[in-house]
Amino acid sequence: MSYFTTCETFFVFPLNTDDEEIRKIEFLLYILEKSRVGDLINEVSYKSSELGRKSYNPYKLFAAIIYCFAKHKGTLRNIEEMCRYDSRIWYILSQERPSYKTIHEFIDMVIRPNYYRIFSLITTTIIRELNIDISDQYLDGTKIEANANKYKFVFKPRKHRINLDRKIRILLKELNIGYQEEDCLVMSLELQIALNTFSEIKNIDIKTVPTGKGSKPTREQKLLKYGYELLSKLLEYEEREIICGPNRNSYYKTDNDATAMALKADYYSGHGSNMKAAYNVQFLVSSGFVTFFGVYQDRSDYYTLIPLLEKYEMYCGDYPRNLCADSGYGVFTNYEYLNRHNIGNYIKYLNWSGESQGKNPQRFFLNEKENGFVCLNGVKGRVIDFDSSHHQRKKKSKLYYFEGCLDCPYEYRCRDKIKDRTTDFRKFELSLKEEIYHKQVRENLLSMKGIEIRVNRSIQAEGAFGELKQNMGYVRLRRRGLEKVSTEIMMMALAINIRKMFAVYGKKHIESSYWKTKEDTEIQSFPEVKPKKKG
């Protein structure tokens, strides 16, 4: 007797259009139609020839792919499985069943060349149709492990290149070929020309130089052979420098665009020195939706803000009204950029935590009338020239001299980290314009609006990455190369927006702020530094 053999044939009935999931799919198709993304797909989609099988409908295939991403099925094999066995994808594709090869070809040929435009068109349409307020936007980033072997990393040969250049210059002197430019490194082309010139003068063919045990090459032959060994090593170093570029110090052999980074999981597990191949993923979030994204090779967040906002303005047509971010973005160049484009500055500076907790309070205050600074004791700072003991570290900064430190009641706070406290003065480098920005940030963040926007940043920006990593299980990239990784992150960000759209589907009003300040909320202030009597 057979227990598990199916002996009957069943018919699969069409889906009920009153089903809630089908109504969500219909709304997704409506959003895609309104976004005019079909025109973009029509421009780049491949046309089938008259011979062979008819190609799949590219518009339905695109809708099926992004729906699969929203349902945690982002791999090619998972999408193929959904197309074969999931009735919801049958509804979208009209029971067409593309293979994983077809899906890969479509993503690579149609989606990848226009991933920024596709994302901006669909996201803008969702925001417009749901009437979402995105005036306050929150920026945050995370590092996601690349699809590369972690033991195949290569670092930029800075010191090795300098040592090699020293050996090359010694060789050129022995060859009686002087190299005059001392400030510049010798390039491979220059070394090759020098070696070719020497071989022609001495009539030496490098291929005929005797090698092996018992061989006795001449001194000129030894020098020429040694020169070509240095040339081979120089070519290797130059190739590494080209792959790394000017802003990176490392790359991986299996993914040249990936950078060696310390991931947060390793940091909290006590293995912070572990370096893995990773990319820096940046999200702009507002009302729970990812309004824009970016994938970068930088290990820190300092230099990702400006290129991200430039891309946002290019594809969305305007800058955010207000921008909130943590202290990882609080540098002078970013503040200057926000001020130039009239963007509300709610980005913490580096010492925000120390000032707000009182552990590292503000010691020097802006004196706007005299365009200078005063210390905690009210002493005005005098501008002096930089000397050998104080080098200029910031652009447009000045060195200020403050007197009367020995009798100052705030010395215990102002000079608590200085070893030599016998002097009656203190020198400190300060930037007038930077302090103006810091004062503006303090006023913004300590206001009622600032309190609300700070709380919402921790909820929305961190929540988007929580949705990505925890709920969708996306902790490692699947593709290699900066463009392909950016396409993949775009699909994941679009999946977050579609999931959010399904969650708020049918609601009349969507809250832009997850947490709001109450009327009785007290305006915050930093702890006051109290004077301490001497003796």
Protein backbone atom coordinates (compact mmCIF):
# COMPACT_ATOMS: atom_id res chain seq x y z
CA MET A 1 0.00 0.00 0.00
CA SER A 2 1.31 3.42 -0.97
CA TYR A 3 1.15 6.05 1.77
CA PHE A 4 2.86 9.10 0.15
CA THR A 5 2.15 8.68 -3.57
CA THR A 6 -0.25 11.24 -5.03
CA CYS A 7 -2.60 9.48 -7.36
CA GLU A 8 -4.99 12.32 -8.16
CA THR A 9 -4.67 15.41 -10.38
CA PHE A 10 -5.75 18.75 -8.93
CA PHE A 11 -6.64 22.03 -10.63
CA VAL A 12 -5.21 25.27 -9.23
CA PHE A 13 -8.05 27.77 -9.04
CA PRO A 14 -7.44 31.47 -9.79
CA LEU A 15 -6.80 33.69 -6.79
CA ASN A 16 -9.64 35.59 -5.18
CA THR A 17 -9.32 39.29 -6.09
CA ASP A 18 -10.92 40.20 -2.74
CA ASP A 19 -7.90 38.80 -0.92
CA GLU A 20 -5.94 41.42 1.06
CA GLU A 21 -2.59 40.36 -0.41
CA ILE A 22 -3.90 40.65 -3.98
CA ARG A 23 -5.14 44.18 -3.24
CA LYS A 24 -1.65 45.07 -2.02
CA ILE A 25 -0.13 43.64 -5.21
CA GLU A 26 -2.60 45.67 -7.28
CA PHE A 27 -1.60 48.80 -5.38
CA LEU A 28 2.09 48.03 -6.03
CA LEU A 29 1.37 47.65 -9.75
CA TYR A 30 -0.54 50.94 -9.64
CA ILE A 31 2.49 52.66 -8.03
CA LEU A 32 4.80 51.25 -10.71
CA GLU A 33 2.45 52.47 -13.43
CA LYS A 34 2.20 55.97 -11.95
CA SER A 35 5.98 56.23 -11.47
CA ARG A 36 6.61 55.92 -15.23
CA VAL A 37 9.36 53.44 -14.51
CA GLY A 38 7.99 51.44 -17.43
CA ASP A 39 9.31 54.06 -19.86
CA LEU A 40 12.77 53.66 -18.31
CA ILE A 41 12.60 49.88 -18.62
CA ASN A 42 11.44 50.24 -22.22
CA GLU A 43 14.55 52.32 -23.05
CA VAL A 44 17.07 49.74 -21.89
CA SER A 45 15.22 46.39 -22.06
CA TYR A 46 16.45 44.00 -24.68
CA LYS A 47 14.14 43.31 -27.62
CA SER A 48 13.47 39.73 -28.71
CA SER A 49 14.22 38.79 -32.30
CA GLU A 50 11.70 37.20 -34.63
CA LEU A 51 13.56 33.91 -34.34
CA GLY A 52 13.56 31.77 -31.20
CA ARG A 53 11.26 31.88 -28.20
CA LYS A 54 9.34 34.98 -27.21
CA SER A 55 11.01 36.95 -24.38
CA TYR A 56 9.34 37.51 -21.02
CA ASN A 57 7.35 40.65 -20.36
CA PRO A 58 10.01 42.97 -18.85
CA TYR A 59 7.48 45.08 -16.89
CA LYS A 60 5.85 42.09 -15.18
CA LEU A 61 9.28 40.55 -14.57
CA PHE A 62 10.48 43.75 -12.86
CA ALA A 63 7.38 43.84 -10.65
CA ALA A 64 7.88 40.19 -9.70
CA ILE A 65 11.56 40.74 -8.80
CA ILE A 66 10.98 43.67 -6.47
CA TYR A 67 8.02 41.86 -4.88
CA CYS A 68 10.27 38.86 -4.18
CA PHE A 69 12.85 41.16 -2.59
CA ALA A 70 10.12 42.56 -0.34
CA LYS A 71 9.24 39.01 0.73
CA HIS A 72 12.82 38.18 1.86
CA LYS A 73 13.56 36.30 -1.37
CA GLY A 74 16.46 38.26 -2.86
CA THR A 75 18.68 35.50 -4.28
CA LEU A 76 18.33 34.38 -7.88
CA ARG A 77 17.45 30.81 -6.87
CA ASN A 78 14.81 32.02 -4.40
CA ILE A 79 13.22 34.28 -7.00
CA GLU A 80 13.16 31.39 -9.48
CA GLU A 81 11.52 29.18 -6.84
CA MET A 82 8.90 31.86 -6.11
CA CYS A 83 8.14 32.15 -9.83
CA ARG A 84 7.59 28.39 -10.04
CA TYR A 85 5.57 27.70 -6.91
CA ASP A 86 4.13 30.92 -5.44
CA SER A 87 0.63 31.77 -6.61
CA ARG A 88 1.17 35.51 -5.94
CA ILE A 89 4.02 35.60 -8.48
CA TRP A 90 1.86 33.61 -10.92
CA TYR A 91 -0.66 36.42 -10.60
CA ILE A 92 1.99 39.06 -11.41
CA LEU A 93 3.71 37.13 -14.22
CA SER A 94 0.54 35.59 -15.69
CA GLN A 95 1.99 32.13 -14.89
CA GLU A 96 5.27 32.73 -16.72
CA ARG A 97 8.22 30.98 -15.06
CA PRO A 98 11.60 32.55 -15.85
CA SER A 99 14.80 30.78 -14.81
CA TYR A 100 17.46 32.25 -12.52
CA LYS A 101 19.64 32.94 -15.58
CA THR A 102 16.91 35.08 -17.12
CA ILE A 103 16.43 36.94 -13.83
CA HIS A 104 20.19 37.57 -13.54
CA GLU A 105 20.36 38.85 -17.11
CA PHE A 106 17.41 41.19 -16.52
CA ILE A 107 18.91 42.65 -13.32
CA ASP A 108 22.31 43.11 -14.97
CA MET A 109 21.07 44.60 -18.26
CA VAL A 110 17.95 46.54 -17.28
CA ILE A 111 18.10 47.44 -13.57
CA ARG A 112 21.83 47.97 -12.99
CA PRO A 113 22.39 50.80 -15.55
CA ASN A 114 19.62 52.92 -13.97
CA TYR A 115 19.36 51.87 -10.34
CA TYR A 116 19.35 55.45 -8.99
CA ARG A 117 16.63 56.59 -11.39
CA ILE A 118 14.49 53.52 -10.77
CA PHE A 119 14.67 53.96 -7.01
CA SER A 120 13.94 57.71 -7.07
CA LEU A 121 10.97 57.33 -9.44
CA ILE A 122 9.26 54.61 -7.39
CA THR A 123 10.03 56.12 -3.97
CA THR A 124 8.89 59.59 -5.02
CA THR A 125 5.62 58.13 -6.30
CA ILE A 126 5.02 56.22 -3.05
CA ILE A 127 5.63 59.38 -1.00
CA ARG A 128 3.33 61.43 -3.22
CA GLU A 129 0.50 58.87 -3.33
CA LEU A 130 0.55 58.27 0.44
CA ASN A 131 0.94 62.02 1.15
CA ILE A 132 3.97 61.54 3.38
CA ASP A 133 5.81 64.44 4.99
CA ILE A 134 9.58 64.06 4.46
CA SER A 135 10.70 67.50 5.60
CA ASP A 136 12.72 65.96 8.45
CA GLN A 137 15.21 63.37 7.21
CA TYR A 138 17.58 61.18 9.19
CA LEU A 139 20.95 59.95 7.99
CA ASP A 140 22.83 56.92 9.22
CA GLY A 141 25.17 54.27 7.89
CA THR A 142 26.26 50.71 8.48
CA LYS A 143 28.97 48.39 7.22
CA ILE A 144 27.83 45.23 5.45
CA GLU A 145 30.24 42.37 4.80
CA ALA A 146 31.16 41.89 1.14
CA ASN A 147 31.05 38.67 -0.80
CA ALA A 148 34.82 38.20 -0.66
CA ASN A 149 37.41 36.02 1.05
CA LYS A 150 38.52 37.80 4.22
CA TYR A 151 42.08 36.45 3.95
CA LYS A 152 42.68 37.87 0.47
CA PHE A 153 43.22 41.52 1.36
CA VAL A 154 45.96 43.79 -0.01
CA PHE A 155 47.11 47.04 1.60
CA LYS A 156 48.41 50.12 -0.21
CA PRO A 157 52.25 49.92 -0.20
CA ARG A 158 53.08 53.34 1.24
CA LYS A 159 56.28 52.60 3.16
CA HIS A 160 57.30 49.80 0.81
CA ARG A 161 56.97 52.15 -2.16
CA ILE A 162 59.24 54.73 -0.50
CA ASN A 163 61.87 52.07 0.32
CA LEU A 164 61.68 50.76 -3.23
CA ASP A 165 62.11 54.27 -4.62
CA ARG A 166 65.26 54.68 -2.52
CA LYS A 167 66.71 51.46 -4.01
CA ILE A 168 65.80 52.58 -7.54
CA ARG A 169 67.57 55.91 -7.11
CA ILE A 170 70.71 54.14 -5.86
CA LEU A 171 70.57 51.87 -8.91
CA LEU A 172 70.16 54.81 -11.29
CA LYS A 173 73.29 56.41 -9.83
CA GLU A 174 75.25 53.20 -10.38
CA LEU A 175 73.97 53.11 -13.95
CA ASN A 176 75.19 56.74 -14.37
CA ILE A 177 71.64 57.81 -15.12
CA GLY A 178 70.76 60.66 -12.81
CA TYR A 179 67.18 61.37 -11.78
CA GLN A 180 66.80 65.00 -10.83
CA GLU A 181 63.26 65.24 -9.36
CA GLU A 182 63.75 64.46 -5.68
CA ASP A 183 60.18 65.35 -4.62
CA CYS A 184 58.50 62.85 -6.94
CA LEU A 185 58.64 59.07 -6.90
CA VAL A 186 60.22 57.30 -9.84
CA MET A 187 57.53 55.86 -12.11
CA SER A 188 57.72 52.48 -13.86
CA LEU A 189 57.82 54.03 -17.34
CA GLU A 190 60.81 56.21 -16.39
CA LEU A 191 62.66 53.24 -14.91
CA GLN A 192 61.93 51.12 -17.97
CA ILE A 193 63.28 53.82 -20.31
CA ALA A 194 66.43 54.10 -18.17
CA LEU A 195 66.99 50.33 -18.25
CA ASN A 196 66.42 50.16 -22.01
CA THR A 197 68.88 53.02 -22.54
CA PHE A 198 71.51 51.29 -20.38
CA SER A 199 71.06 47.96 -22.21
CA GLU A 200 71.51 49.70 -25.61
CA ILE A 201 74.64 51.55 -24.48
CA LYS A 202 76.23 48.42 -23.00
CA ASN A 203 74.84 46.18 -25.76
CA ILE A 204 73.27 43.76 -23.24
CA ASP A 205 70.25 41.60 -23.97
CA ILE A 206 68.44 40.74 -20.73
CA LYS A 207 67.27 37.44 -22.24
CA THR A 208 70.84 36.24 -22.74
CA VAL A 209 72.13 37.09 -19.24
CA PRO A 210 73.50 33.83 -17.77
CA THR A 211 71.65 32.50 -14.73
CA GLY A 212 71.89 29.47 -12.47
CA LYS A 213 74.70 27.72 -10.61
CA GLY A 214 78.18 28.28 -12.04
CA SER A 215 77.18 31.29 -14.17
CA LYS A 216 79.35 34.41 -13.94
CA PRO A 217 77.51 37.46 -15.27
CA THR A 218 79.34 40.76 -15.54
CA ARG A 219 78.70 43.69 -13.23
CA GLU A 220 76.62 45.48 -15.90
CA GLN A 221 74.53 42.35 -16.43
CA LYS A 222 73.93 42.02 -12.68
CA LEU A 223 72.83 45.66 -12.46
CA LEU A 224 70.48 45.28 -15.42
CA LYS A 225 68.95 42.11 -14.01
CA TYR A 226 68.53 43.74 -10.61
CA GLY A 227 66.91 46.75 -12.30
CA TYR A 228 64.27 44.58 -13.98
CA GLU A 229 63.53 42.91 -10.65
CA LEU A 230 62.92 46.33 -9.15
CA LEU A 231 60.79 47.23 -12.18
CA SER A 232 58.62 44.15 -11.66
CA LYS A 233 58.08 45.05 -8.01
CA LEU A 234 57.37 48.70 -8.93
CA LEU A 235 54.69 47.62 -11.43
CA GLU A 236 53.08 45.53 -8.71
CA TYR A 237 53.02 48.47 -6.28
CA GLU A 238 51.62 50.84 -8.91
CA GLU A 239 48.84 48.37 -9.70
CA ARG A 240 47.90 48.24 -6.01
CA GLU A 241 47.84 52.04 -5.78
CA ILE A 242 45.60 52.31 -8.86
CA ILE A 243 43.12 49.77 -7.47
CA CYS A 244 43.07 51.41 -4.03
CA GLY A 245 42.67 54.90 -5.42
CA PRO A 246 43.44 58.11 -3.52
CA ASN A 247 40.93 57.59 -0.68
CA ARG A 248 41.52 53.95 0.26
CA ASN A 249 44.33 51.99 1.90
CA SER A 250 43.23 48.44 1.11
CA TYR A 251 41.25 46.19 -1.22
CA TYR A 252 40.44 42.52 -1.61
CA LYS A 253 41.62 40.19 -4.35
CA THR A 254 38.21 38.56 -4.80
CA ASP A 255 36.41 41.94 -4.83
CA ASN A 256 38.65 44.88 -5.70
CA ASP A 257 35.99 47.44 -4.72
CA ALA A 258 35.63 46.08 -1.16
CA THR A 259 37.64 47.73 1.64
CA ALA A 260 39.08 46.21 4.80
CA MET A 261 36.88 47.37 7.68
CA ALA A 262 36.20 46.40 11.30
CA LEU A 263 32.53 45.41 11.48
CA LYS A 264 30.34 46.33 14.44
CA ALA A 265 29.62 42.67 15.24
CA ASP A 266 33.34 42.00 15.66
CA TYR A 267 33.75 45.15 17.73
CA TYR A 268 31.08 44.18 20.26
CA SER A 269 32.24 40.57 20.40
CA GLY A 270 35.74 41.66 21.43
CA HIS A 271 37.37 41.07 18.05
CA GLY A 272 37.55 44.71 16.97
CA SER A 273 40.90 44.24 15.26
CA ASN A 274 39.43 41.74 12.79
CA MET A 275 39.40 43.20 9.30
CA LYS A 276 36.82 41.98 6.81
CA ALA A 277 35.83 42.99 3.31
CA ALA A 278 32.88 45.38 3.56
CA TYR A 279 31.03 48.34 2.04
CA ASN A 280 29.72 51.44 3.79
CA VAL A 281 25.94 51.65 3.20
CA GLN A 282 24.19 54.99 3.86
CA PHE A 283 20.41 55.50 4.20
CA LEU A 284 18.34 58.68 4.26
CA VAL A 285 15.13 57.85 6.16
CA SER A 286 11.95 59.83 6.72
CA SER A 287 8.57 58.64 8.07
CA GLY A 288 9.92 55.08 8.03
CA PHE A 289 10.70 55.17 4.29
CA VAL A 290 14.20 55.10 2.78
CA THR A 291 14.21 58.29 0.71
CA PHE A 292 17.69 57.70 -0.72
CA PHE A 293 20.72 55.45 -0.36
CA GLY A 294 24.41 55.29 -1.17
CA VAL A 295 27.18 52.68 -1.16
CA TYR A 296 30.72 53.90 -0.43
CA GLN A 297 34.21 52.54 0.18
CA ASP A 298 35.04 54.91 3.07
CA ARG A 299 35.61 53.36 6.48
CA SER A 300 34.20 56.43 8.25
CA ASP A 301 31.03 58.46 7.66
CA TYR A 302 32.73 61.87 7.41
CA TYR A 303 33.04 62.00 3.65
CA THR A 304 29.79 60.26 2.66
CA LEU A 305 27.34 63.06 3.52
CA ILE A 306 28.18 65.48 0.71
CA PRO A 307 28.20 62.94 -2.18
CA LEU A 308 24.95 61.41 -0.85
CA LEU A 309 23.17 64.77 -0.75
CA GLU A 310 24.54 65.65 -4.20
CA LYS A 311 23.00 62.45 -5.60
CA TYR A 312 19.77 63.14 -3.71
CA GLU A 313 19.46 66.59 -5.26
CA MET A 314 20.32 65.23 -8.71
CA TYR A 315 17.64 62.52 -8.74
CA CYS A 316 15.00 63.95 -6.39
CA GLY A 317 15.24 67.58 -7.47
CA ASP A 318 15.79 69.26 -4.10
CA TYR A 319 17.71 69.06 -0.83
CA PRO A 320 16.15 67.89 2.46
CA ARG A 321 14.67 70.67 4.57
CA ASN A 322 16.13 69.40 7.86
CA LEU A 323 18.84 66.81 8.33
CA CYS A 324 19.63 64.94 11.53
CA ALA A 325 22.60 62.62 12.05
CA ASP A 326 24.94 61.43 14.78
CA SER A 327 28.37 62.85 15.58
CA GLY A 328 30.02 60.63 12.96
CA TYR A 329 29.06 63.30 10.39
CA GLY A 330 29.79 66.39 12.53
CA VAL A 331 32.79 67.94 10.78
CA PHE A 332 33.36 71.46 9.51
CA THR A 333 33.08 70.65 5.78
CA ASN A 334 29.66 69.04 6.28
CA TYR A 335 28.41 71.98 8.36
CA GLU A 336 29.60 74.39 5.70
CA TYR A 337 27.81 72.39 3.00
CA LEU A 338 24.51 72.38 4.92
CA ASN A 339 24.76 76.13 5.52
CA ARG A 340 25.49 76.81 1.85
CA HIS A 341 22.36 74.91 0.73
CA ASN A 342 20.05 76.18 3.52
CA ILE A 343 19.54 72.74 5.10
CA GLY A 344 18.46 72.67 8.73
CA ASN A 345 21.48 71.51 10.71
CA TYR A 346 20.66 68.92 13.39
CA ILE A 347 23.95 67.00 13.20
CA LYS A 348 25.82 66.47 16.47
CA TYR A 349 29.47 67.50 16.62
CA LEU A 350 32.23 65.27 18.00
CA ASN A 351 32.18 66.58 21.58
CA TRP A 352 28.39 66.62 21.91
CA SER A 353 28.30 63.60 24.21
CA GLY A 354 31.02 65.02 26.49
CA GLU A 355 29.29 68.39 26.79
CA SER A 356 25.80 66.98 27.32
CA GLN A 357 26.96 64.60 30.09
CA GLY A 358 29.34 67.10 31.69
CA LYS A 359 32.38 64.81 31.33
CA ASN A 360 34.09 67.07 28.81
CA PRO A 361 32.38 70.50 29.02
CA GLN A 362 32.89 73.45 26.72
CA ARG A 363 35.91 75.45 27.90
CA PHE A 364 36.03 78.33 25.41
CA PHE A 365 33.07 80.42 24.36
CA LEU A 366 32.44 82.62 21.35
CA ASN A 367 32.78 86.38 21.78
CA GLU A 368 30.81 87.60 18.77
CA LYS A 369 31.35 91.33 19.43
CA GLU A 370 35.13 91.07 19.20
CA ASN A 371 35.27 88.01 16.92
CA GLY A 372 37.24 86.05 19.48
CA PHE A 373 36.97 83.67 22.41
CA VAL A 374 36.74 83.86 26.18
CA CYS A 375 37.48 81.04 28.62
CA LEU A 376 35.34 79.80 31.52
CA ASN A 377 36.78 82.52 33.75
CA GLY A 378 35.90 85.26 31.26
CA VAL A 379 39.52 85.89 30.13
CA LYS A 380 39.77 87.02 26.52
CA GLY A 381 42.04 85.01 24.27
CA ARG A 382 44.87 86.72 22.39
CA VAL A 383 45.79 85.49 18.89
CA ILE A 384 49.42 84.42 18.55
CA ASP A 385 51.45 82.76 15.81
CA PHE A 386 51.82 79.01 15.53
CA ASP A 387 55.20 77.72 16.70
CA SER A 388 57.11 74.44 16.68
CA SER A 389 55.15 73.14 19.69
CA HIS A 390 51.74 73.98 18.21
CA HIS A 391 51.15 73.06 14.55
CA GLN A 392 48.00 74.12 12.75
CA ARG A 393 45.62 71.15 12.52
CA LYS A 394 42.48 72.80 11.13
CA LYS A 395 41.94 75.09 8.19
CA LYS A 396 41.03 78.70 8.99
CA SER A 397 41.88 78.22 12.67
CA LYS A 398 43.99 80.43 14.94
CA LEU A 399 46.10 79.86 18.04
CA TYR A 400 44.73 81.66 21.12
CA TYR A 401 46.68 82.54 24.27
CA PHE A 402 44.85 82.62 27.65
CA GLU A 403 46.51 83.96 30.83
CA GLY A 404 45.84 83.64 34.55
CA CYS A 405 45.44 79.88 34.76
CA LEU A 406 47.11 79.32 38.15
CA ASP A 407 44.58 81.42 40.07
CA CYS A 408 41.59 80.37 37.94
CA PRO A 409 38.72 78.62 39.85
CA TYR A 410 37.96 76.55 36.73
CA GLU A 411 41.48 75.14 36.36
CA TYR A 412 40.40 71.75 37.70
CA ARG A 413 38.12 71.44 34.67
CA CYS A 414 40.03 73.37 32.02
CA ARG A 415 43.47 71.81 32.53
CA ASP A 416 42.54 68.42 34.00
CA LYS A 417 44.11 66.56 31.06
CA ILE A 418 47.34 68.61 30.87
CA LYS A 419 50.43 67.11 32.53
CA ASP A 420 52.36 70.37 33.04
CA ARG A 421 50.10 72.61 35.17
CA THR A 422 52.84 74.89 36.50
CA THR A 423 52.49 77.46 33.71
CA ASP A 424 50.19 80.45 34.11
CA PHE A 425 48.83 80.31 30.56
CA ARG A 426 47.24 77.99 28.05
CA LYS A 427 47.42 77.85 24.24
CA PHE A 428 44.51 76.41 22.30
CA GLU A 429 43.69 76.16 18.60
CA LEU A 430 40.17 77.41 17.79
CA SER A 431 38.18 78.13 14.66
CA LEU A 432 35.76 81.04 14.76
CA LYS A 433 33.50 79.78 11.98
CA GLU A 434 33.43 76.24 13.34
CA GLU A 435 32.34 77.49 16.76
CA ILE A 436 29.55 79.50 15.09
CA TYR A 437 28.29 76.25 13.54
CA HIS A 438 28.60 74.46 16.89
CA LYS A 439 26.56 77.18 18.58
CA GLN A 440 23.88 76.87 15.90
CA VAL A 441 23.78 73.08 16.35
CA ARG A 442 23.45 73.45 20.14
CA GLU A 443 20.50 75.81 19.77
CA ASN A 444 18.81 73.52 17.23
CA LEU A 445 19.28 70.25 19.11
CA LEU A 446 18.37 71.65 22.56
CA SER A 447 15.12 73.20 21.28
CA MET A 448 11.73 71.43 21.40
CA LYS A 449 12.09 70.57 17.74
CA GLY A 450 15.61 69.30 18.33
CA ILE A 451 14.53 66.99 21.16
CA GLU A 452 11.84 65.49 18.94
CA ILE A 453 14.10 65.08 15.94
CA ARG A 454 16.87 63.48 18.04
CA VAL A 455 14.53 60.82 19.44
CA ASN A 456 13.07 60.11 16.01
CA ARG A 457 16.53 59.70 14.51
CA SER A 458 17.35 56.83 16.84
CA ILE A 459 13.98 55.22 16.02
CA GLN A 460 13.80 55.70 12.27
CA ALA A 461 17.41 55.61 11.04
CA GLU A 462 18.41 52.71 13.28
CA GLY A 463 15.04 51.08 12.62
CA ALA A 464 15.65 50.95 8.87
CA PHE A 465 18.86 48.98 9.37
CA GLY A 466 17.10 46.81 11.95
CA GLU A 467 14.48 45.99 9.34
CA LEU A 468 17.21 45.23 6.83
CA LYS A 469 19.41 43.04 9.02
CA GLN A 470 17.12 41.52 11.61
CA ASN A 471 13.71 41.20 9.95
CA MET A 472 14.93 40.57 6.40
CA GLY A 473 18.03 38.60 7.44
CA TYR A 474 20.33 40.59 5.17
CA VAL A 475 23.77 40.60 6.82
CA ARG A 476 26.06 39.80 3.88
CA LEU A 477 26.20 41.00 0.29
CA ARG A 478 25.54 38.57 -2.53
CA ARG A 479 27.19 40.38 -5.44
CA ARG A 480 30.67 41.78 -6.12
CA GLY A 481 31.78 45.14 -7.47
CA LEU A 482 30.62 48.62 -6.49
CA GLU A 483 27.95 48.95 -9.21
CA LYS A 484 26.45 45.51 -8.64
CA VAL A 485 26.49 46.00 -4.86
CA SER A 486 24.77 49.39 -5.29
CA THR A 487 22.10 47.73 -7.43
CA GLU A 488 21.57 45.09 -4.76
CA ILE A 489 21.32 47.67 -1.96
CA MET A 490 18.86 49.65 -4.11
CA MET A 491 16.64 46.57 -4.39
CA MET A 492 16.84 46.01 -0.62
CA ALA A 493 16.02 49.67 0.11
CA LEU A 494 13.11 49.47 -2.32
CA ALA A 495 11.97 46.29 -0.55
CA ILE A 496 11.94 48.17 2.78
CA ASN A 497 9.76 50.89 1.23
CA ILE A 498 7.37 48.33 -0.30
CA ARG A 499 7.05 46.50 3.03
CA LYS A 500 6.37 49.82 4.76
CA MET A 501 3.86 50.72 2.02
CA PHE A 502 2.03 47.43 2.57
CA ALA A 503 2.02 48.04 6.35
CA VAL A 504 0.40 51.50 6.06
CA TYR A 505 -1.80 50.55 3.09
CA GLY A 506 -5.31 51.88 3.59
CA LYS A 507 -4.45 54.37 6.35
CA LYS A 508 -5.73 57.88 5.87
CA HIS A 509 -2.91 59.58 7.78
CA ILE A 510 0.71 58.52 8.27
CA GLU A 511 2.70 59.97 11.14
CA SER A 512 5.96 61.56 10.05
CA SER A 513 7.27 61.55 13.63
CA TYR A 514 7.16 58.34 15.62
CA TRP A 515 7.66 60.27 18.88
CA LYS A 516 6.43 63.80 19.60
CA THR A 517 7.38 66.21 22.36
CA LYS A 518 4.70 66.98 24.91
CA GLU A 519 3.70 70.46 25.92
CA ASP A 520 5.19 70.06 29.39
CA THR A 521 8.56 68.88 28.05
CA GLU A 522 11.39 70.89 29.57
CA ILE A 523 13.97 72.50 27.32
CA GLN A 524 17.29 70.79 27.91
CA SER A 525 20.58 72.45 28.78
CA PHE A 526 24.13 71.31 29.42
CA PRO A 527 25.42 70.84 32.99
CA GLU A 528 26.95 74.03 34.38
CA VAL A 529 30.64 74.04 35.30
CA LYS A 530 30.90 75.33 38.86
CA PRO A 531 33.95 77.27 40.12
CA LYS A 532 36.17 75.67 42.72
CA LYS A 533 38.05 77.65 45.34
CA LYS A 534 41.84 77.31 45.48
CA GLY A 535 43.39 75.66 48.52
